[in-house]
Amino acid sequence: MLIRPAEPADHDAIWSILAPICAAGETFCVAPDGGRDAAFDYWFAGKGREVFVAEAEGAILGTSYLRPNQGGGGAHVANAGYATGAASQGKGIARALLAHSLDAARARGFRAMQFNFVVATNTRAIATWEAAGFAIVGCLPRAFAHPRHGWVNALVMFREI
């Protein structure tokens, strides 16, 4: 598997990964009916943001972004997001994207990484991030309107790098 910077030619493949995740409304803070524009604003927009794809045999299996979590005095902390195609879930794609983003963050001079809003029902992601050394450092009670579970907690996770 190759993880590389995303190119405009990858946008349709990235959309095919993000579309069902965004439409489900269970993990990302994107309006489920926002379509491609809302999803791409969430995934691509923001100063200093880089987007990557995980590719094998010409197929895009997953995508990630890396950006500064804050500006100014908080610019040394990275933030990242990950999405895996439905057919590729459970095959280590998110773990590989996470490892790549930690290496990329370190190479860019970041000193830590923070996930600001991890939906508490996303237990597979939480287990993956904890296995990579992230700790839950905060809980936002009932901060996410989950379409099936109602009001659920969102977690803040952090790790020095």
N, C-alpha and C. Protein backbone atom coordinates (compact mmCIF):
# COMPACT_ATOMS: atom_id res chain seq x y z
N MET A 1 0.84 -1.18 0.00
CA MET A 1 0.00 0.00 0.00
C MET A 1 0.89 1.24 0.00
N LEU A 2 0.49 2.20 -0.78
CA LEU A 2 1.18 3.47 -0.90
C LEU A 2 0.28 4.55 -0.30
N ILE A 3 0.85 5.39 0.57
CA ILE A 3 0.14 6.57 1.06
C ILE A 3 0.84 7.77 0.45
N ARG A 4 0.06 8.58 -0.25
CA ARG A 4 0.63 9.70 -0.99
C ARG A 4 -0.30 10.91 -0.92
N PRO A 5 0.22 12.10 -1.26
CA PRO A 5 -0.67 13.27 -1.30
C PRO A 5 -1.79 13.06 -2.32
N ALA A 6 -2.97 13.51 -1.96
CA ALA A 6 -4.11 13.43 -2.87
C ALA A 6 -3.93 14.40 -4.01
N GLU A 7 -4.42 14.01 -5.18
CA GLU A 7 -4.38 14.85 -6.38
C GLU A 7 -5.82 15.09 -6.84
N PRO A 8 -6.04 16.12 -7.65
CA PRO A 8 -7.40 16.36 -8.14
C PRO A 8 -8.03 15.13 -8.81
N ALA A 9 -7.22 14.31 -9.45
CA ALA A 9 -7.75 13.10 -10.10
C ALA A 9 -8.29 12.09 -9.08
N ASP A 10 -7.97 12.26 -7.81
CA ASP A 10 -8.44 11.35 -6.75
C ASP A 10 -9.78 11.77 -6.17
N HIS A 11 -10.28 12.95 -6.53
CA HIS A 11 -11.46 13.49 -5.86
C HIS A 11 -12.69 12.59 -5.96
N ASP A 12 -12.93 11.96 -7.10
CA ASP A 12 -14.09 11.07 -7.21
C ASP A 12 -13.94 9.87 -6.28
N ALA A 13 -12.74 9.31 -6.19
CA ALA A 13 -12.51 8.18 -5.29
C ALA A 13 -12.66 8.60 -3.83
N ILE A 14 -12.15 9.79 -3.50
CA ILE A 14 -12.30 10.29 -2.13
C ILE A 14 -13.78 10.50 -1.82
N TRP A 15 -14.52 11.06 -2.76
CA TRP A 15 -15.95 11.25 -2.55
C TRP A 15 -16.65 9.91 -2.35
N SER A 16 -16.24 8.88 -3.07
CA SER A 16 -16.90 7.57 -2.91
C SER A 16 -16.67 7.01 -1.50
N ILE A 17 -15.59 7.41 -0.86
CA ILE A 17 -15.32 6.99 0.52
C ILE A 17 -16.10 7.87 1.50
N LEU A 18 -16.05 9.18 1.29
CA LEU A 18 -16.69 10.10 2.23
C LEU A 18 -18.21 10.08 2.16
N ALA A 19 -18.77 9.87 0.98
CA ALA A 19 -20.23 9.98 0.79
C ALA A 19 -21.02 9.12 1.77
N PRO A 20 -20.77 7.82 1.85
CA PRO A 20 -21.59 7.02 2.77
C PRO A 20 -21.32 7.35 4.24
N ILE A 21 -20.10 7.74 4.56
CA ILE A 21 -19.78 8.09 5.95
C ILE A 21 -20.52 9.37 6.34
N CYS A 22 -20.46 10.37 5.48
CA CYS A 22 -21.15 11.63 5.76
C CYS A 22 -22.66 11.43 5.79
N ALA A 23 -23.20 10.67 4.85
CA ALA A 23 -24.64 10.45 4.79
C ALA A 23 -25.15 9.71 6.03
N ALA A 24 -24.32 8.82 6.58
CA ALA A 24 -24.72 8.09 7.79
C ALA A 24 -24.82 9.02 9.00
N GLY A 25 -24.01 10.07 9.02
CA GLY A 25 -24.08 11.05 10.09
C GLY A 25 -23.67 10.55 11.45
N GLU A 26 -22.83 9.51 11.50
CA GLU A 26 -22.48 8.89 12.78
C GLU A 26 -21.11 9.26 13.33
N THR A 27 -20.24 9.87 12.51
CA THR A 27 -18.88 10.13 12.99
C THR A 27 -18.34 11.52 12.70
N PHE A 28 -18.66 12.07 11.55
CA PHE A 28 -18.12 13.39 11.19
C PHE A 28 -19.16 14.48 11.45
N CYS A 29 -18.67 15.66 11.74
CA CYS A 29 -19.56 16.81 11.97
C CYS A 29 -19.84 17.50 10.64
N VAL A 30 -20.54 16.78 9.79
CA VAL A 30 -20.95 17.26 8.47
C VAL A 30 -22.45 16.96 8.34
N ALA A 31 -23.19 17.91 7.80
CA ALA A 31 -24.62 17.67 7.59
C ALA A 31 -24.80 16.46 6.69
N PRO A 32 -25.56 15.45 7.12
CA PRO A 32 -25.73 14.24 6.32
C PRO A 32 -26.27 14.50 4.91
N ASP A 33 -27.02 15.57 4.74
CA ASP A 33 -27.56 15.88 3.43
C ASP A 33 -26.78 16.99 2.72
N GLY A 34 -25.56 17.25 3.18
CA GLY A 34 -24.75 18.34 2.63
C GLY A 34 -24.09 18.04 1.30
N GLY A 35 -24.04 16.78 0.93
CA GLY A 35 -23.46 16.39 -0.34
C GLY A 35 -21.95 16.59 -0.42
N ARG A 36 -21.48 16.52 -1.65
CA ARG A 36 -20.04 16.58 -1.92
C ARG A 36 -19.42 17.90 -1.46
N ASP A 37 -20.11 19.01 -1.69
CA ASP A 37 -19.54 20.31 -1.31
C ASP A 37 -19.28 20.38 0.19
N ALA A 38 -20.24 19.98 1.00
CA ALA A 38 -20.07 20.03 2.46
C ALA A 38 -18.97 19.06 2.90
N ALA A 39 -18.97 17.88 2.32
CA ALA A 39 -17.94 16.90 2.69
C ALA A 39 -16.55 17.39 2.32
N PHE A 40 -16.41 17.98 1.14
CA PHE A 40 -15.10 18.46 0.72
C PHE A 40 -14.69 19.71 1.49
N ASP A 41 -15.64 20.55 1.88
CA ASP A 41 -15.29 21.68 2.75
C ASP A 41 -14.71 21.16 4.06
N TYR A 42 -15.31 20.12 4.61
CA TYR A 42 -14.84 19.51 5.85
C TYR A 42 -13.47 18.85 5.66
N TRP A 43 -13.28 18.15 4.56
CA TRP A 43 -12.08 17.33 4.36
C TRP A 43 -10.89 18.13 3.83
N PHE A 44 -11.15 19.07 2.94
CA PHE A 44 -10.06 19.76 2.23
C PHE A 44 -9.78 21.18 2.72
N ALA A 45 -10.75 21.85 3.31
CA ALA A 45 -10.60 23.29 3.61
C ALA A 45 -9.74 23.51 4.85
N GLY A 46 -9.14 24.66 4.91
CA GLY A 46 -8.39 25.06 6.09
C GLY A 46 -6.93 25.30 5.79
N LYS A 47 -6.42 26.32 6.42
CA LYS A 47 -5.03 26.70 6.23
C LYS A 47 -4.09 25.59 6.70
N GLY A 48 -3.14 25.26 5.85
CA GLY A 48 -2.13 24.27 6.20
C GLY A 48 -2.59 22.83 6.12
N ARG A 49 -3.80 22.59 5.61
CA ARG A 49 -4.32 21.22 5.55
C ARG A 49 -3.73 20.48 4.36
N GLU A 50 -3.31 19.24 4.60
CA GLU A 50 -2.84 18.34 3.55
C GLU A 50 -3.75 17.12 3.54
N VAL A 51 -4.08 16.64 2.35
CA VAL A 51 -4.94 15.47 2.22
C VAL A 51 -4.12 14.36 1.55
N PHE A 52 -4.29 13.16 2.05
CA PHE A 52 -3.56 12.00 1.56
C PHE A 52 -4.54 10.90 1.18
N VAL A 53 -4.06 9.97 0.35
CA VAL A 53 -4.83 8.78 0.02
C VAL A 53 -3.96 7.55 0.24
N ALA A 54 -4.63 6.46 0.63
CA ALA A 54 -3.99 5.15 0.71
C ALA A 54 -4.42 4.39 -0.53
N GLU A 55 -3.44 3.92 -1.29
CA GLU A 55 -3.72 3.31 -2.59
C GLU A 55 -3.03 1.96 -2.68
N ALA A 56 -3.72 1.00 -3.27
CA ALA A 56 -3.14 -0.32 -3.55
C ALA A 56 -3.67 -0.78 -4.90
N GLU A 57 -2.77 -1.20 -5.76
CA GLU A 57 -3.13 -1.71 -7.09
C GLU A 57 -4.04 -0.74 -7.84
N GLY A 58 -3.77 0.56 -7.70
CA GLY A 58 -4.51 1.57 -8.42
C GLY A 58 -5.84 1.98 -7.80
N ALA A 59 -6.22 1.34 -6.69
CA ALA A 59 -7.49 1.66 -6.03
C ALA A 59 -7.24 2.48 -4.77
N ILE A 60 -8.05 3.52 -4.56
CA ILE A 60 -7.97 4.33 -3.35
C ILE A 60 -8.78 3.61 -2.27
N LEU A 61 -8.11 3.24 -1.18
CA LEU A 61 -8.74 2.47 -0.10
C LEU A 61 -9.16 3.34 1.08
N GLY A 62 -8.50 4.48 1.22
CA GLY A 62 -8.78 5.36 2.35
C GLY A 62 -8.17 6.71 2.11
N THR A 63 -8.49 7.64 2.99
CA THR A 63 -7.98 9.00 2.88
C THR A 63 -7.79 9.59 4.27
N SER A 64 -6.93 10.57 4.35
CA SER A 64 -6.70 11.25 5.62
C SER A 64 -6.37 12.71 5.34
N TYR A 65 -6.50 13.51 6.39
CA TYR A 65 -5.99 14.89 6.31
C TYR A 65 -5.13 15.15 7.53
N LEU A 66 -4.24 16.12 7.38
CA LEU A 66 -3.35 16.56 8.46
C LEU A 66 -3.33 18.07 8.41
N ARG A 67 -3.45 18.69 9.58
CA ARG A 67 -3.44 20.15 9.64
C ARG A 67 -3.03 20.59 11.04
N PRO A 68 -2.66 21.86 11.19
CA PRO A 68 -2.46 22.37 12.55
C PRO A 68 -3.82 22.39 13.27
N ASN A 69 -3.83 21.98 14.51
CA ASN A 69 -5.08 21.99 15.27
C ASN A 69 -5.55 23.41 15.55
N GLN A 70 -4.62 24.30 15.83
CA GLN A 70 -4.90 25.70 16.11
C GLN A 70 -3.79 26.54 15.49
N GLY A 71 -3.92 27.83 15.53
CA GLY A 71 -2.87 28.73 15.10
C GLY A 71 -2.09 29.24 16.30
N GLY A 72 -1.21 30.18 16.06
CA GLY A 72 -0.47 30.85 17.13
C GLY A 72 0.19 29.88 18.10
N GLY A 73 -0.08 30.08 19.38
CA GLY A 73 0.54 29.27 20.42
C GLY A 73 0.14 27.81 20.41
N GLY A 74 -0.88 27.46 19.63
CA GLY A 74 -1.30 26.06 19.53
C GLY A 74 -0.90 25.41 18.23
N ALA A 75 -0.11 26.10 17.41
CA ALA A 75 0.23 25.61 16.08
C ALA A 75 1.17 24.41 16.09
N HIS A 76 1.72 24.08 17.23
CA HIS A 76 2.63 22.93 17.32
C HIS A 76 1.87 21.61 17.53
N VAL A 77 0.55 21.68 17.66
CA VAL A 77 -0.28 20.48 17.83
C VAL A 77 -1.00 20.21 16.51
N ALA A 78 -0.85 19.00 16.01
CA ALA A 78 -1.51 18.60 14.77
C ALA A 78 -2.91 18.08 15.05
N ASN A 79 -3.70 18.04 14.00
CA ASN A 79 -5.02 17.44 14.01
C ASN A 79 -5.11 16.62 12.73
N ALA A 80 -5.85 15.53 12.76
CA ALA A 80 -5.98 14.68 11.58
C ALA A 80 -7.35 14.03 11.56
N GLY A 81 -7.73 13.56 10.39
CA GLY A 81 -8.96 12.80 10.21
C GLY A 81 -8.71 11.67 9.25
N TYR A 82 -9.52 10.62 9.36
CA TYR A 82 -9.32 9.40 8.59
C TYR A 82 -10.66 8.86 8.10
N ALA A 83 -10.64 8.30 6.91
CA ALA A 83 -11.82 7.65 6.36
C ALA A 83 -11.36 6.47 5.51
N THR A 84 -12.03 5.36 5.69
CA THR A 84 -11.70 4.14 4.96
C THR A 84 -12.91 3.72 4.13
N GLY A 85 -12.68 3.29 2.92
CA GLY A 85 -13.76 2.79 2.08
C GLY A 85 -14.42 1.59 2.72
N ALA A 86 -15.71 1.44 2.49
CA ALA A 86 -16.48 0.36 3.12
C ALA A 86 -15.88 -1.02 2.85
N ALA A 87 -15.42 -1.26 1.62
CA ALA A 87 -14.87 -2.57 1.27
C ALA A 87 -13.50 -2.81 1.88
N SER A 88 -12.87 -1.76 2.39
CA SER A 88 -11.51 -1.88 2.94
C SER A 88 -11.47 -1.83 4.46
N GLN A 89 -12.61 -1.70 5.10
CA GLN A 89 -12.63 -1.61 6.56
C GLN A 89 -12.19 -2.91 7.19
N GLY A 90 -11.49 -2.80 8.32
CA GLY A 90 -11.00 -3.97 9.04
C GLY A 90 -9.73 -4.55 8.46
N LYS A 91 -9.08 -3.84 7.55
CA LYS A 91 -7.86 -4.36 6.90
C LYS A 91 -6.62 -3.55 7.27
N GLY A 92 -6.70 -2.71 8.28
CA GLY A 92 -5.54 -1.96 8.74
C GLY A 92 -5.28 -0.65 8.01
N ILE A 93 -6.22 -0.22 7.19
CA ILE A 93 -6.03 1.02 6.42
C ILE A 93 -5.95 2.22 7.37
N ALA A 94 -6.88 2.32 8.32
CA ALA A 94 -6.87 3.44 9.27
C ALA A 94 -5.59 3.43 10.10
N ARG A 95 -5.14 2.26 10.53
CA ARG A 95 -3.88 2.18 11.30
C ARG A 95 -2.71 2.68 10.47
N ALA A 96 -2.68 2.31 9.19
CA ALA A 96 -1.60 2.76 8.31
C ALA A 96 -1.68 4.26 8.08
N LEU A 97 -2.88 4.79 7.88
CA LEU A 97 -3.03 6.24 7.71
C LEU A 97 -2.64 6.98 8.98
N LEU A 98 -3.00 6.43 10.13
CA LEU A 98 -2.62 7.04 11.40
C LEU A 98 -1.10 7.07 11.55
N ALA A 99 -0.45 5.94 11.29
CA ALA A 99 1.02 5.90 11.39
C ALA A 99 1.65 6.90 10.44
N HIS A 100 1.12 6.98 9.23
CA HIS A 100 1.63 7.95 8.25
C HIS A 100 1.45 9.37 8.76
N SER A 101 0.28 9.69 9.32
CA SER A 101 0.04 11.06 9.77
C SER A 101 0.93 11.42 10.96
N LEU A 102 1.20 10.47 11.83
CA LEU A 102 2.11 10.74 12.94
C LEU A 102 3.52 11.02 12.43
N ASP A 103 3.98 10.22 11.46
CA ASP A 103 5.30 10.46 10.87
C ASP A 103 5.34 11.80 10.14
N ALA A 104 4.29 12.09 9.37
CA ALA A 104 4.24 13.36 8.63
C ALA A 104 4.19 14.54 9.59
N ALA A 105 3.41 14.41 10.66
CA ALA A 105 3.32 15.49 11.65
C ALA A 105 4.68 15.74 12.30
N ARG A 106 5.34 14.66 12.68
CA ARG A 106 6.67 14.78 13.29
C ARG A 106 7.63 15.46 12.32
N ALA A 107 7.61 15.06 11.05
CA ALA A 107 8.50 15.63 10.04
C ALA A 107 8.22 17.11 9.81
N ARG A 108 7.00 17.54 10.07
CA ARG A 108 6.63 18.95 9.87
C ARG A 108 6.82 19.78 11.13
N GLY A 109 7.38 19.17 12.17
CA GLY A 109 7.70 19.90 13.39
C GLY A 109 6.61 19.95 14.44
N PHE A 110 5.50 19.23 14.23
CA PHE A 110 4.47 19.17 15.26
C PHE A 110 5.01 18.40 16.47
N ARG A 111 4.56 18.75 17.64
CA ARG A 111 5.02 18.11 18.88
C ARG A 111 3.97 17.19 19.49
N ALA A 112 2.74 17.27 18.98
CA ALA A 112 1.64 16.46 19.51
C ALA A 112 0.55 16.37 18.45
N MET A 113 -0.39 15.47 18.69
CA MET A 113 -1.58 15.37 17.84
C MET A 113 -2.79 15.29 18.74
N GLN A 114 -3.85 15.96 18.32
CA GLN A 114 -5.10 15.99 19.09
C GLN A 114 -6.27 15.73 18.16
N PHE A 115 -7.17 14.87 18.63
CA PHE A 115 -8.45 14.66 17.96
C PHE A 115 -9.48 15.39 18.81
N ASN A 116 -10.15 16.36 18.23
CA ASN A 116 -11.00 17.26 18.98
C ASN A 116 -12.39 16.73 19.29
N PHE A 117 -12.89 15.81 18.48
CA PHE A 117 -14.30 15.46 18.57
C PHE A 117 -14.50 14.03 18.08
N VAL A 118 -14.11 13.07 18.91
CA VAL A 118 -14.26 11.65 18.56
C VAL A 118 -15.59 11.19 19.15
N VAL A 119 -16.52 10.83 18.29
CA VAL A 119 -17.84 10.40 18.75
C VAL A 119 -17.67 9.11 19.56
N ALA A 120 -18.20 9.10 20.77
CA ALA A 120 -17.96 8.00 21.72
C ALA A 120 -18.47 6.65 21.23
N THR A 121 -19.43 6.64 20.32
CA THR A 121 -19.92 5.37 19.78
C THR A 121 -18.99 4.80 18.70
N ASN A 122 -18.00 5.55 18.30
CA ASN A 122 -17.04 5.10 17.27
C ASN A 122 -15.94 4.28 17.96
N THR A 123 -16.33 3.16 18.53
CA THR A 123 -15.45 2.38 19.39
C THR A 123 -14.25 1.77 18.66
N ARG A 124 -14.43 1.41 17.39
CA ARG A 124 -13.28 0.87 16.63
C ARG A 124 -12.20 1.91 16.48
N ALA A 125 -12.58 3.14 16.16
CA ALA A 125 -11.60 4.21 16.03
C ALA A 125 -10.94 4.51 17.37
N ILE A 126 -11.73 4.58 18.43
CA ILE A 126 -11.17 4.86 19.75
C ILE A 126 -10.15 3.80 20.13
N ALA A 127 -10.46 2.54 19.89
CA ALA A 127 -9.51 1.46 20.20
C ALA A 127 -8.24 1.59 19.37
N THR A 128 -8.37 1.96 18.11
CA THR A 128 -7.20 2.14 17.25
C THR A 128 -6.34 3.27 17.75
N TRP A 129 -6.97 4.40 18.10
CA TRP A 129 -6.17 5.55 18.55
C TRP A 129 -5.52 5.25 19.91
N GLU A 130 -6.24 4.58 20.80
CA GLU A 130 -5.65 4.23 22.10
C GLU A 130 -4.48 3.27 21.92
N ALA A 131 -4.60 2.31 21.01
CA ALA A 131 -3.50 1.37 20.75
C ALA A 131 -2.26 2.10 20.22
N ALA A 132 -2.46 3.25 19.60
CA ALA A 132 -1.35 4.05 19.08
C ALA A 132 -0.85 5.08 20.10
N GLY A 133 -1.31 4.99 21.33
CA GLY A 133 -0.79 5.84 22.38
C GLY A 133 -1.60 7.09 22.68
N PHE A 134 -2.76 7.25 22.07
CA PHE A 134 -3.61 8.40 22.38
C PHE A 134 -4.36 8.13 23.67
N ALA A 135 -4.54 9.19 24.45
CA ALA A 135 -5.30 9.11 25.69
C ALA A 135 -6.54 9.99 25.55
N ILE A 136 -7.60 9.56 26.18
CA ILE A 136 -8.80 10.40 26.28
C ILE A 136 -8.51 11.43 27.36
N VAL A 137 -8.50 12.70 26.97
CA VAL A 137 -8.16 13.76 27.92
C VAL A 137 -9.37 14.64 28.23
N GLY A 138 -10.47 14.38 27.57
CA GLY A 138 -11.67 15.16 27.84
C GLY A 138 -12.90 14.49 27.28
N CYS A 139 -14.03 14.85 27.85
CA CYS A 139 -15.31 14.33 27.40
C CYS A 139 -16.28 15.50 27.30
N LEU A 140 -16.91 15.61 26.16
CA LEU A 140 -17.93 16.63 25.93
C LEU A 140 -19.28 15.93 26.04
N PRO A 141 -19.95 16.07 27.18
CA PRO A 141 -21.18 15.31 27.42
C PRO A 141 -22.28 15.64 26.42
N ARG A 142 -22.83 14.58 25.84
CA ARG A 142 -23.97 14.68 24.92
C ARG A 142 -23.77 15.76 23.86
N ALA A 143 -22.57 15.83 23.31
CA ALA A 143 -22.22 16.89 22.36
C ALA A 143 -22.53 16.53 20.91
N PHE A 144 -22.87 15.28 20.63
CA PHE A 144 -23.10 14.85 19.25
C PHE A 144 -24.50 14.27 19.12
N ALA A 145 -25.21 14.73 18.13
CA ALA A 145 -26.56 14.22 17.84
C ALA A 145 -26.44 13.02 16.90
N HIS A 146 -26.37 11.85 17.48
CA HIS A 146 -26.22 10.62 16.72
C HIS A 146 -27.58 10.21 16.15
N PRO A 147 -27.63 9.83 14.87
CA PRO A 147 -28.93 9.52 14.26
C PRO A 147 -29.62 8.29 14.83
N ARG A 148 -28.88 7.38 15.44
CA ARG A 148 -29.50 6.16 16.00
C ARG A 148 -29.51 6.15 17.52
N HIS A 149 -28.48 6.75 18.14
CA HIS A 149 -28.32 6.65 19.59
C HIS A 149 -28.71 7.92 20.34
N GLY A 150 -29.11 8.94 19.60
CA GLY A 150 -29.47 10.20 20.26
C GLY A 150 -28.23 10.99 20.67
N TRP A 151 -28.34 11.70 21.76
CA TRP A 151 -27.24 12.56 22.23
C TRP A 151 -26.16 11.69 22.87
N VAL A 152 -24.97 11.70 22.25
CA VAL A 152 -23.85 10.89 22.76
C VAL A 152 -22.66 11.80 23.04
N ASN A 153 -21.75 11.30 23.84
CA ASN A 153 -20.55 12.06 24.19
C ASN A 153 -19.58 12.15 23.02
N ALA A 154 -18.79 13.19 23.02
CA ALA A 154 -17.66 13.33 22.11
C ALA A 154 -16.41 13.40 22.97
N LEU A 155 -15.36 12.77 22.52
CA LEU A 155 -14.12 12.70 23.29
C LEU A 155 -13.04 13.54 22.65
N VAL A 156 -12.15 14.05 23.49
CA VAL A 156 -10.93 14.72 23.04
C VAL A 156 -9.80 13.74 23.35
N MET A 157 -9.00 13.43 22.31
CA MET A 157 -7.89 12.48 22.48
C MET A 157 -6.60 13.17 22.11
N PHE A 158 -5.51 12.82 22.81
CA PHE A 158 -4.26 13.55 22.67
C PHE A 158 -3.08 12.59 22.80
N ARG A 159 -2.02 12.95 22.07
CA ARG A 159 -0.77 12.20 22.18
C ARG A 159 0.39 13.11 21.80
N GLU A 160 1.45 13.07 22.58
CA GLU A 160 2.69 13.76 22.17
C GLU A 160 3.37 12.90 21.12
N ILE A 161 4.11 13.59 20.21
CA ILE A 161 4.84 12.84 19.18
C ILE A 161 6.29 13.26 19.15
